[in-house]
PDB file of all heavy atoms in Angstrom:
ATOM      1  N   VAL A   1     101.504 147.117  77.710  1.00  0.00           N
ATOM      2  CA  VAL A   1     101.500 148.497  77.294  1.00  0.00           C
ATOM      3  C   VAL A   1     102.470 148.676  76.128  1.00  0.00           C
ATOM      4  O   VAL A   1     102.576 149.795  75.595  1.00  0.00           O
ATOM      5  CB  VAL A   1     101.936 149.459  78.446  1.00  0.00           C
ATOM      6  CG1 VAL A   1     100.907 149.450  79.543  1.00  0.00           C
ATOM      7  CG2 VAL A   1     103.316 149.099  78.976  1.00  0.00           C
ATOM      8  N   MET A   2     103.121 147.623  75.710  1.00  0.00           N
ATOM      9  CA  MET A   2     104.102 147.731  74.612  1.00  0.00           C
ATOM     10  C   MET A   2     103.410 147.522  73.259  1.00  0.00           C
ATOM     11  O   MET A   2     102.343 146.866  73.153  1.00  0.00           O
ATOM     12  CB  MET A   2     105.174 146.624  74.777  1.00  0.00           C
ATOM     13  CG  MET A   2     106.035 146.837  76.006  1.00  0.00           C
ATOM     14  SD  MET A   2     106.989 148.367  75.891  1.00  0.00           S
ATOM     15  CE  MET A   2     107.633 148.471  77.573  1.00  0.00           C
ATOM     16  N   ASN A   3     104.028 148.048  72.229  1.00  0.00           N
ATOM     17  CA  ASN A   3     103.565 147.804  70.869  1.00  0.00           C
ATOM     18  C   ASN A   3     103.802 146.306  70.575  1.00  0.00           C
ATOM     19  O   ASN A   3     104.956 145.821  70.584  1.00  0.00           O
ATOM     20  CB  ASN A   3     104.404 148.662  69.886  1.00  0.00           C
ATOM     21  CG  ASN A   3     104.013 148.484  68.447  1.00  0.00           C
ATOM     22  OD1 ASN A   3     103.750 147.367  67.974  1.00  0.00           O
ATOM     23  ND2 ASN A   3     104.033 149.565  67.688  1.00  0.00           N
ATOM     24  N   THR A   4     102.726 145.595  70.299  1.00  0.00           N
ATOM     25  CA  THR A   4     102.836 144.132  70.157  1.00  0.00           C
ATOM     26  C   THR A   4     103.683 143.731  68.961  1.00  0.00           C
ATOM     27  O   THR A   4     104.337 142.684  68.985  1.00  0.00           O
ATOM     28  CB  THR A   4     101.421 143.494  70.060  1.00  0.00           C
ATOM     29  OG1 THR A   4     100.675 144.151  68.997  1.00  0.00           O
ATOM     30  CG2 THR A   4     100.670 143.649  71.369  1.00  0.00           C
ATOM     31  N   GLU A   5     103.646 144.525  67.880  1.00  0.00           N
ATOM     32  CA  GLU A   5     104.441 144.194  66.714  1.00  0.00           C
ATOM     33  C   GLU A   5     105.929 144.347  66.970  1.00  0.00           C
ATOM     34  O   GLU A   5     106.739 143.536  66.553  1.00  0.00           O
ATOM     35  CB  GLU A   5     104.028 145.062  65.503  1.00  0.00           C
ATOM     36  CG  GLU A   5     102.576 144.844  65.092  1.00  0.00           C
ATOM     37  CD  GLU A   5     102.228 143.373  64.857  1.00  0.00           C
ATOM     38  OE1 GLU A   5     102.972 142.709  64.130  1.00  0.00           O
ATOM     39  OE2 GLU A   5     101.202 142.913  65.409  1.00  0.00           O
ATOM     40  N   VAL A   6     106.275 145.389  67.734  1.00  0.00           N
ATOM     41  CA  VAL A   6     107.699 145.603  68.084  1.00  0.00           C
ATOM     42  C   VAL A   6     108.135 144.489  69.024  1.00  0.00           C
ATOM     43  O   VAL A   6     109.255 143.963  68.898  1.00  0.00           O
ATOM     44  CB  VAL A   6     107.888 147.013  68.714  1.00  0.00           C
ATOM     45  CG1 VAL A   6     109.344 147.128  69.220  1.00  0.00           C
ATOM     46  CG2 VAL A   6     107.557 148.091  67.745  1.00  0.00           C
ATOM     47  N   ALA A   7     107.255 144.098  69.944  1.00  0.00           N
ATOM     48  CA  ALA A   7     107.638 143.047  70.879  1.00  0.00           C
ATOM     49  C   ALA A   7     107.914 141.730  70.192  1.00  0.00           C
ATOM     50  O   ALA A   7     108.701 140.928  70.636  1.00  0.00           O
ATOM     51  CB  ALA A   7     106.473 142.856  71.914  1.00  0.00           C
ATOM     52  N   LYS A   8     107.247 141.519  69.035  1.00  0.00           N
ATOM     53  CA  LYS A   8     107.461 140.288  68.253  1.00  0.00           C
ATOM     54  C   LYS A   8     108.832 140.198  67.626  1.00  0.00           C
ATOM     55  O   LYS A   8     109.365 139.133  67.333  1.00  0.00           O
ATOM     56  CB  LYS A   8     106.437 140.204  67.104  1.00  0.00           C
ATOM     57  CG  LYS A   8     105.052 139.789  67.440  1.00  0.00           C
ATOM     58  CD  LYS A   8     104.266 139.749  66.140  1.00  0.00           C
ATOM     59  CE  LYS A   8     102.766 139.680  66.382  1.00  0.00           C
ATOM     60  NZ  LYS A   8     102.025 139.801  65.138  1.00  0.00           N
ATOM     61  N   VAL A   9     109.393 141.356  67.380  1.00  0.00           N
ATOM     62  CA  VAL A   9     110.633 141.463  66.601  1.00  0.00           C
ATOM     63  C   VAL A   9     111.840 141.156  67.475  1.00  0.00           C
ATOM     64  O   VAL A   9     112.046 141.762  68.522  1.00  0.00           O
ATOM     65  CB  VAL A   9     110.787 142.863  65.954  1.00  0.00           C
ATOM     66  CG1 VAL A   9     112.130 143.020  65.323  1.00  0.00           C
ATOM     67  CG2 VAL A   9     109.680 143.104  64.951  1.00  0.00           C
ATOM     68  N   ALA A  10     112.658 140.218  67.018  1.00  0.00           N
ATOM     69  CA  ALA A  10     113.877 139.907  67.717  1.00  0.00           C
ATOM     70  C   ALA A  10     114.977 140.868  67.306  1.00  0.00           C
ATOM     71  O   ALA A  10     114.865 141.560  66.317  1.00  0.00           O
ATOM     72  CB  ALA A  10     114.325 138.477  67.383  1.00  0.00           C
ATOM     73  N   GLN A  11     116.015 140.949  68.114  1.00  0.00           N
ATOM     74  CA  GLN A  11     117.187 141.759  67.740  1.00  0.00           C
ATOM     75  C   GLN A  11     117.732 141.224  66.430  1.00  0.00           C
ATOM     76  O   GLN A  11     117.586 140.024  66.133  1.00  0.00           O
ATOM     77  CB  GLN A  11     118.230 141.684  68.851  1.00  0.00           C
ATOM     78  CG  GLN A  11     119.441 142.579  68.582  1.00  0.00           C
ATOM     79  CD  GLN A  11     120.537 142.409  69.647  1.00  0.00           C
ATOM     80  OE1 GLN A  11     120.435 141.574  70.512  1.00  0.00           O
ATOM     81  NE2 GLN A  11     121.588 143.201  69.512  1.00  0.00           N
ATOM     82  N   SER A  12     118.408 142.066  65.638  1.00  0.00           N
ATOM     83  CA  SER A  12     119.059 141.604  64.402  1.00  0.00           C
ATOM     84  C   SER A  12     119.884 140.376  64.683  1.00  0.00           C
ATOM     85  O   SER A  12     120.755 140.381  65.587  1.00  0.00           O
ATOM     86  CB  SER A  12     119.916 142.722  63.849  1.00  0.00           C
ATOM     87  OG  SER A  12     120.893 142.205  62.964  1.00  0.00           O
ATOM     88  N   GLY A  13     119.658 139.337  63.892  1.00  0.00           N
ATOM     89  CA  GLY A  13     120.410 138.088  64.069  1.00  0.00           C
ATOM     90  C   GLY A  13     121.907 138.313  63.813  1.00  0.00           C
ATOM     91  O   GLY A  13     122.775 137.676  64.425  1.00  0.00           O
ATOM     92  N   ILE A  14     122.214 139.267  62.930  1.00  0.00           N
ATOM     93  CA  ILE A  14     123.597 139.577  62.612  1.00  0.00           C
ATOM     94  C   ILE A  14     124.259 140.244  63.801  1.00  0.00           C
ATOM     95  O   ILE A  14     125.324 139.816  64.263  1.00  0.00           O
ATOM     96  CB  ILE A  14     123.659 140.487  61.356  1.00  0.00           C
ATOM     97  CG1 ILE A  14     123.081 139.794  60.124  1.00  0.00           C
ATOM     98  CG2 ILE A  14     125.115 140.912  61.063  1.00  0.00           C
ATOM     99  CD1 ILE A  14     122.875 140.685  58.953  1.00  0.00           C
ATOM    100  N   ARG A  15     123.606 141.282  64.337  1.00  0.00           N
ATOM    101  CA  ARG A  15     124.187 142.020  65.465  1.00  0.00           C
ATOM    102  C   ARG A  15     124.251 141.152  66.698  1.00  0.00           C
ATOM    103  O   ARG A  15     125.231 141.213  67.455  1.00  0.00           O
ATOM    104  CB  ARG A  15     123.344 143.264  65.712  1.00  0.00           C
ATOM    105  CG  ARG A  15     123.495 144.338  64.668  1.00  0.00           C
ATOM    106  CD  ARG A  15     124.793 145.111  64.830  1.00  0.00           C
ATOM    107  NE  ARG A  15     124.963 146.115  63.794  1.00  0.00           N
ATOM    108  CZ  ARG A  15     125.975 146.944  63.788  1.00  0.00           C
ATOM    109  NH1 ARG A  15     126.879 146.919  64.739  1.00  0.00           N
ATOM    110  NH2 ARG A  15     126.115 147.853  62.823  1.00  0.00           N
ATOM    111  N   GLU A  16     123.194 140.358  66.936  1.00  0.00           N
ATOM    112  CA  GLU A  16     123.167 139.523  68.109  1.00  0.00           C
ATOM    113  C   GLU A  16     124.303 138.510  68.085  1.00  0.00           C
ATOM    114  O   GLU A  16     124.971 138.286  69.076  1.00  0.00           O
ATOM    115  CB  GLU A  16     121.802 138.819  68.178  1.00  0.00           C
ATOM    116  CG  GLU A  16     121.572 138.035  69.452  1.00  0.00           C
ATOM    117  CD  GLU A  16     120.176 137.445  69.553  1.00  0.00           C
ATOM    118  OE1 GLU A  16     119.561 137.219  68.491  1.00  0.00           O
ATOM    119  OE2 GLU A  16     119.746 137.187  70.672  1.00  0.00           O
ATOM    120  N   PHE A  17     124.509 137.899  66.907  1.00  0.00           N
ATOM    121  CA  PHE A  17     125.592 136.905  66.832  1.00  0.00           C
ATOM    122  C   PHE A  17     126.949 137.584  66.935  1.00  0.00           C
ATOM    123  O   PHE A  17     127.843 137.063  67.587  1.00  0.00           O
ATOM    124  CB  PHE A  17     125.490 136.136  65.506  1.00  0.00           C
ATOM    125  CG  PHE A  17     126.330 134.871  65.527  1.00  0.00           C
ATOM    126  CD1 PHE A  17     125.857 133.713  66.067  1.00  0.00           C
ATOM    127  CD2 PHE A  17     127.637 134.892  65.024  1.00  0.00           C
ATOM    128  CE1 PHE A  17     126.635 132.572  66.148  1.00  0.00           C
ATOM    129  CE2 PHE A  17     128.423 133.752  65.102  1.00  0.00           C
ATOM    130  CZ  PHE A  17     127.923 132.587  65.645  1.00  0.00           C
ATOM    131  N   ASP A  18     127.074 138.767  66.332  1.00  0.00           N
ATOM    132  CA  ASP A  18     128.337 139.505  66.449  1.00  0.00           C
ATOM    133  C   ASP A  18     128.644 139.811  67.921  1.00  0.00           C
ATOM    134  O   ASP A  18     129.785 139.612  68.356  1.00  0.00           O
ATOM    135  CB  ASP A  18     128.219 140.799  65.656  1.00  0.00           C
ATOM    136  CG  ASP A  18     129.470 141.662  65.809  1.00  0.00           C
ATOM    137  OD1 ASP A  18     130.541 141.251  65.304  1.00  0.00           O
ATOM    138  OD2 ASP A  18     129.401 142.725  66.444  1.00  0.00           O
ATOM    139  N   GLN A  19     127.641 140.229  68.679  1.00  0.00           N
ATOM    140  CA  GLN A  19     127.874 140.510  70.102  1.00  0.00           C
ATOM    141  C   GLN A  19     128.231 139.256  70.869  1.00  0.00           C
ATOM    142  O   GLN A  19     129.092 139.251  71.736  1.00  0.00           O
ATOM    143  CB  GLN A  19     126.598 141.133  70.691  1.00  0.00           C
ATOM    144  CG  GLN A  19     126.353 142.575  70.236  1.00  0.00           C
ATOM    145  CD  GLN A  19     124.974 143.077  70.571  1.00  0.00           C
ATOM    146  OE1 GLN A  19     124.293 142.495  71.403  1.00  0.00           O
ATOM    147  NE2 GLN A  19     124.560 144.154  69.928  1.00  0.00           N
ATOM    148  N   LYS A  20     127.606 138.158  70.484  1.00  0.00           N
ATOM    149  CA  LYS A  20     127.868 136.869  71.157  1.00  0.00           C
ATOM    150  C   LYS A  20     129.321 136.451  71.003  1.00  0.00           C
ATOM    151  O   LYS A  20     129.998 136.118  71.956  1.00  0.00           O
ATOM    152  CB  LYS A  20     126.935 135.805  70.581  1.00  0.00           C
ATOM    153  CG  LYS A  20     127.055 134.418  71.208  1.00  0.00           C
ATOM    154  CD  LYS A  20     126.114 133.439  70.545  1.00  0.00           C
ATOM    155  CE  LYS A  20     126.232 132.053  71.095  1.00  0.00           C
ATOM    156  NZ  LYS A  20     125.656 131.921  72.445  1.00  0.00           N
ATOM    157  N   VAL A  21     129.829 136.506  69.742  1.00  0.00           N
ATOM    158  CA  VAL A  21     131.194 136.018  69.509  1.00  0.00           C
ATOM    159  C   VAL A  21     132.246 137.076  69.858  1.00  0.00           C
ATOM    160  O   VAL A  21     133.409 136.713  70.031  1.00  0.00           O
ATOM    161  CB  VAL A  21     131.371 135.586  68.060  1.00  0.00           C
ATOM    162  CG1 VAL A  21     130.393 134.422  67.703  1.00  0.00           C
ATOM    163  CG2 VAL A  21     131.223 136.701  67.046  1.00  0.00           C
ATOM    164  N   SER A  22     131.819 138.340  69.996  1.00  0.00           N
ATOM    165  CA  SER A  22     132.797 139.384  70.357  1.00  0.00           C
ATOM    166  C   SER A  22     133.386 139.140  71.744  1.00  0.00           C
ATOM    167  O   SER A  22     134.455 139.700  72.068  1.00  0.00           O
ATOM    168  CB  SER A  22     132.126 140.771  70.310  1.00  0.00           C
ATOM    169  OG  SER A  22     131.803 141.107  68.970  1.00  0.00           O
ATOM    170  N   LYS A  23     132.722 138.334  72.550  1.00  0.00           N
ATOM    171  CA  LYS A  23     133.223 138.057  73.904  1.00  0.00           C
ATOM    172  C   LYS A  23     134.354 137.075  73.917  1.00  0.00           C
ATOM    173  O   LYS A  23     135.010 136.860  74.926  1.00  0.00           O
ATOM    174  CB  LYS A  23     132.075 137.558  74.776  1.00  0.00           C
ATOM    175  CG  LYS A  23     130.940 138.577  74.951  1.00  0.00           C
ATOM    176  CD  LYS A  23     129.718 137.948  75.599  1.00  0.00           C
ATOM    177  CE  LYS A  23     128.556 138.937  75.635  1.00  0.00           C
ATOM    178  NZ  LYS A  23     127.302 138.272  75.950  1.00  0.00           N
ATOM    179  N   VAL A  24     134.596 136.390  72.783  1.00  0.00           N
ATOM    180  CA  VAL A  24     135.674 135.409  72.721  1.00  0.00           C
ATOM    181  C   VAL A  24     136.999 136.146  72.640  1.00  0.00           C
ATOM    182  O   VAL A  24     137.228 136.920  71.729  1.00  0.00           O
ATOM    183  CB  VAL A  24     135.513 134.487  71.480  1.00  0.00           C
ATOM    184  CG1 VAL A  24     136.656 133.534  71.360  1.00  0.00           C
ATOM    185  CG2 VAL A  24     134.178 133.729  71.539  1.00  0.00           C
ATOM    186  N   PRO A  25     137.907 135.920  73.565  1.00  0.00           N
ATOM    187  CA  PRO A  25     139.218 136.631  73.580  1.00  0.00           C
ATOM    188  C   PRO A  25     140.008 136.367  72.314  1.00  0.00           C
ATOM    189  O   PRO A  25     140.125 135.198  71.866  1.00  0.00           O
ATOM    190  CB  PRO A  25     139.908 136.085  74.808  1.00  0.00           C
ATOM    191  CG  PRO A  25     138.859 135.453  75.648  1.00  0.00           C
ATOM    192  CD  PRO A  25     137.798 134.989  74.701  1.00  0.00           C
ATOM    193  N   GLY A  26     140.527 137.406  71.697  1.00  0.00           N
ATOM    194  CA  GLY A  26     141.433 137.255  70.573  1.00  0.00           C
ATOM    195  C   GLY A  26     140.749 136.847  69.252  1.00  0.00           C
ATOM    196  O   GLY A  26     141.423 136.417  68.309  1.00  0.00           O
ATOM    197  N   ILE A  27     139.451 136.982  69.185  1.00  0.00           N
ATOM    198  CA  ILE A  27     138.712 136.538  68.003  1.00  0.00           C
ATOM    199  C   ILE A  27     138.983 137.470  66.824  1.00  0.00           C
ATOM    200  O   ILE A  27     139.167 138.666  66.977  1.00  0.00           O
ATOM    201  CB  ILE A  27     137.206 136.442  68.278  1.00  0.00           C
ATOM    202  CG1 ILE A  27     136.505 135.647  67.160  1.00  0.00           C
ATOM    203  CG2 ILE A  27     136.568 137.832  68.423  1.00  0.00           C
ATOM    204  CD1 ILE A  27     135.125 135.191  67.504  1.00  0.00           C
ATOM    205  N   VAL A  28     139.062 136.908  65.600  1.00  0.00           N
ATOM    206  CA  VAL A  28     139.115 137.678  64.380  1.00  0.00           C
ATOM    207  C   VAL A  28     137.679 137.690  63.817  1.00  0.00           C
ATOM    208  O   VAL A  28     137.099 136.638  63.554  1.00  0.00           O
ATOM    209  CB  VAL A  28     140.052 137.052  63.336  1.00  0.00           C
ATOM    210  CG1 VAL A  28     140.011 137.853  62.008  1.00  0.00           C
ATOM    211  CG2 VAL A  28     141.456 136.999  63.870  1.00  0.00           C
ATOM    212  N   LYS A  29     137.113 138.899  63.675  1.00  0.00           N
ATOM    213  CA  LYS A  29     135.725 138.977  63.286  1.00  0.00           C
ATOM    214  C   LYS A  29     135.558 139.316  61.793  1.00  0.00           C
ATOM    215  O   LYS A  29     136.072 140.329  61.318  1.00  0.00           O
ATOM    216  CB  LYS A  29     135.011 140.048  64.120  1.00  0.00           C
ATOM    217  CG  LYS A  29     134.868 139.694  65.587  1.00  0.00           C
ATOM    218  CD  LYS A  29     133.717 140.455  66.260  1.00  0.00           C
ATOM    219  CE  LYS A  29     133.929 141.942  66.158  1.00  0.00           C
ATOM    220  NZ  LYS A  29     132.776 142.681  66.765  1.00  0.00           N
ATOM    221  N   LEU A  30     134.860 138.411  61.099  1.00  0.00           N
ATOM    222  CA  LEU A  30     134.454 138.651  59.704  1.00  0.00           C
ATOM    223  C   LEU A  30     132.940 138.713  59.656  1.00  0.00           C
ATOM    224  O   LEU A  30     132.305 138.170  58.739  1.00  0.00           O
ATOM    225  CB  LEU A  30     134.998 137.542  58.807  1.00  0.00           C
ATOM    226  CG  LEU A  30     136.513 137.242  58.921  1.00  0.00           C
ATOM    227  CD1 LEU A  30     136.898 136.130  57.944  1.00  0.00           C
ATOM    228  CD2 LEU A  30     137.340 138.449  58.605  1.00  0.00           C
ATOM    229  N   THR A  31     132.365 139.330  60.670  1.00  0.00           N
ATOM    230  CA  THR A  31     130.931 139.302  60.871  1.00  0.00           C
ATOM    231  C   THR A  31     130.194 140.418  60.182  1.00  0.00           C
ATOM    232  O   THR A  31     129.240 140.222  59.453  1.00  0.00           O
ATOM    233  CB  THR A  31     130.569 139.330  62.376  1.00  0.00           C
ATOM    234  OG1 THR A  31     131.363 140.351  62.987  1.00  0.00           O
ATOM    235  CG2 THR A  31     130.871 137.975  63.013  1.00  0.00           C
ATOM    236  N   LEU A  32     130.594 141.665  60.448  1.00  0.00           N
ATOM    237  CA  LEU A  32     129.862 142.851  59.995  1.00  0.00           C
ATOM    238  C   LEU A  32     130.428 143.399  58.693  1.00  0.00           C
ATOM    239  O   LEU A  32     131.616 143.232  58.405  1.00  0.00           O
ATOM    240  CB  LEU A  32     129.880 143.942  61.048  1.00  0.00           C
ATOM    241  CG  LEU A  32     129.303 143.558  62.437  1.00  0.00           C
ATOM    242  CD1 LEU A  32     129.351 144.769  63.345  1.00  0.00           C
ATOM    243  CD2 LEU A  32     127.879 143.010  62.330  1.00  0.00           C
ATOM    244  N   GLY A  33     129.577 144.119  57.952  1.00  0.00           N
ATOM    245  CA  GLY A  33     130.002 144.768  56.717  1.00  0.00           C
ATOM    246  C   GLY A  33     130.663 146.086  57.034  1.00  0.00           C
ATOM    247  O   GLY A  33     130.173 147.136  56.578  1.00  0.00           O
ATOM    248  N   GLU A  34     131.728 146.092  57.777  1.00  0.00           N
ATOM    249  CA  GLU A  34     132.389 147.303  58.197  1.00  0.00           C
ATOM    250  C   GLU A  34     133.771 147.311  57.594  1.00  0.00           C
ATOM    251  O   GLU A  34     134.631 146.485  57.936  1.00  0.00           O
ATOM    252  CB  GLU A  34     132.481 147.370  59.728  1.00  0.00           C
ATOM    253  CG  GLU A  34     133.215 148.574  60.280  1.00  0.00           C
ATOM    254  CD  GLU A  34     132.498 149.890  60.013  1.00  0.00           C
ATOM    255  OE1 GLU A  34     132.704 150.464  58.932  1.00  0.00           O
ATOM    256  OE2 GLU A  34     131.720 150.318  60.882  1.00  0.00           O
ATOM    257  N   GLN A  35     134.032 148.248  56.648  1.00  0.00           N
ATOM    258  CA  GLN A  35     135.277 148.269  55.934  1.00  0.00           C
ATOM    259  C   GLN A  35     136.480 148.662  56.810  1.00  0.00           C
ATOM    260  O   GLN A  35     136.315 149.351  57.802  1.00  0.00           O
ATOM    261  CB  GLN A  35     135.199 149.237  54.745  1.00  0.00           C
ATOM    262  CG  GLN A  35     134.083 148.969  53.798  1.00  0.00           C
ATOM    263  CD  GLN A  35     132.895 149.899  53.972  1.00  0.00           C
ATOM    264  OE1 GLN A  35     132.414 150.039  55.084  1.00  0.00           O
ATOM    265  NE2 GLN A  35     132.449 150.535  52.899  1.00  0.00           N
ATOM    266  N   ASP A  36     137.661 148.261  56.356  1.00  0.00           N
ATOM    267  CA  ASP A  36     138.894 148.684  57.015  1.00  0.00           C
ATOM    268  C   ASP A  36     139.471 149.882  56.345  1.00  0.00           C
ATOM    269  O   ASP A  36     140.600 150.293  56.669  1.00  0.00           O
ATOM    270  CB  ASP A  36     139.890 147.528  57.113  1.00  0.00           C
ATOM    271  CG  ASP A  36     140.520 147.164  55.755  1.00  0.00           C
ATOM    272  OD1 ASP A  36     139.769 147.171  54.753  1.00  0.00           O
ATOM    273  OD2 ASP A  36     141.731 146.928  55.696  1.00  0.00           O
ATOM    274  N   PHE A  37     138.779 150.470  55.381  1.00  0.00           N
ATOM    275  CA  PHE A  37     139.239 151.697  54.711  1.00  0.00           C
ATOM    276  C   PHE A  37     138.727 152.911  55.467  1.00  0.00           C
ATOM    277  O   PHE A  37     137.699 152.840  56.162  1.00  0.00           O
ATOM    278  CB  PHE A  37     138.713 151.764  53.274  1.00  0.00           C
ATOM    279  CG  PHE A  37     139.290 150.722  52.361  1.00  0.00           C
ATOM    280  CD1 PHE A  37     138.560 149.552  52.047  1.00  0.00           C
ATOM    281  CD2 PHE A  37     140.577 150.839  51.877  1.00  0.00           C
ATOM    282  CE1 PHE A  37     139.055 148.604  51.211  1.00  0.00           C
ATOM    283  CE2 PHE A  37     141.112 149.845  51.029  1.00  0.00           C
ATOM    284  CZ  PHE A  37     140.376 148.712  50.722  1.00  0.00           C
ATOM    285  N   ASN A  38     139.414 154.068  55.316  1.00  0.00           N
ATOM    286  CA  ASN A  38     138.947 155.287  55.913  1.00  0.00           C
ATOM    287  C   ASN A  38     138.212 156.103  54.871  1.00  0.00           C
ATOM    288  O   ASN A  38     138.353 155.928  53.667  1.00  0.00           O
ATOM    289  CB  ASN A  38     140.158 156.073  56.441  1.00  0.00           C
ATOM    290  CG  ASN A  38     140.806 155.394  57.666  1.00  0.00           C
ATOM    291  OD1 ASN A  38     140.048 154.914  58.526  1.00  0.00           O
ATOM    292  ND2 ASN A  38     142.103 155.377  57.712  1.00  0.00           N
ATOM    293  N   VAL A  39     137.440 157.083  55.356  1.00  0.00           N
ATOM    294  CA  VAL A  39     136.738 158.013  54.482  1.00  0.00           C
ATOM    295  C   VAL A  39     137.775 158.792  53.660  1.00  0.00           C
ATOM    296  O   VAL A  39     138.782 159.270  54.244  1.00  0.00           O
ATOM    297  CB  VAL A  39     135.862 158.966  55.318  1.00  0.00           C
ATOM    298  CG1 VAL A  39     135.195 160.016  54.457  1.00  0.00           C
ATOM    299  CG2 VAL A  39     134.837 158.182  56.104  1.00  0.00           C
TER     300      VAL A  39
END
């Protein structure tokens, strides 16, 4: 009953990997394009 094209699509490789390594205690992440500056 699912959209077959959506079912084919994997989660973002970037986000998936970021989530995977985020579980490592004390990790320094240089994974996402998220700035350390404020608006």
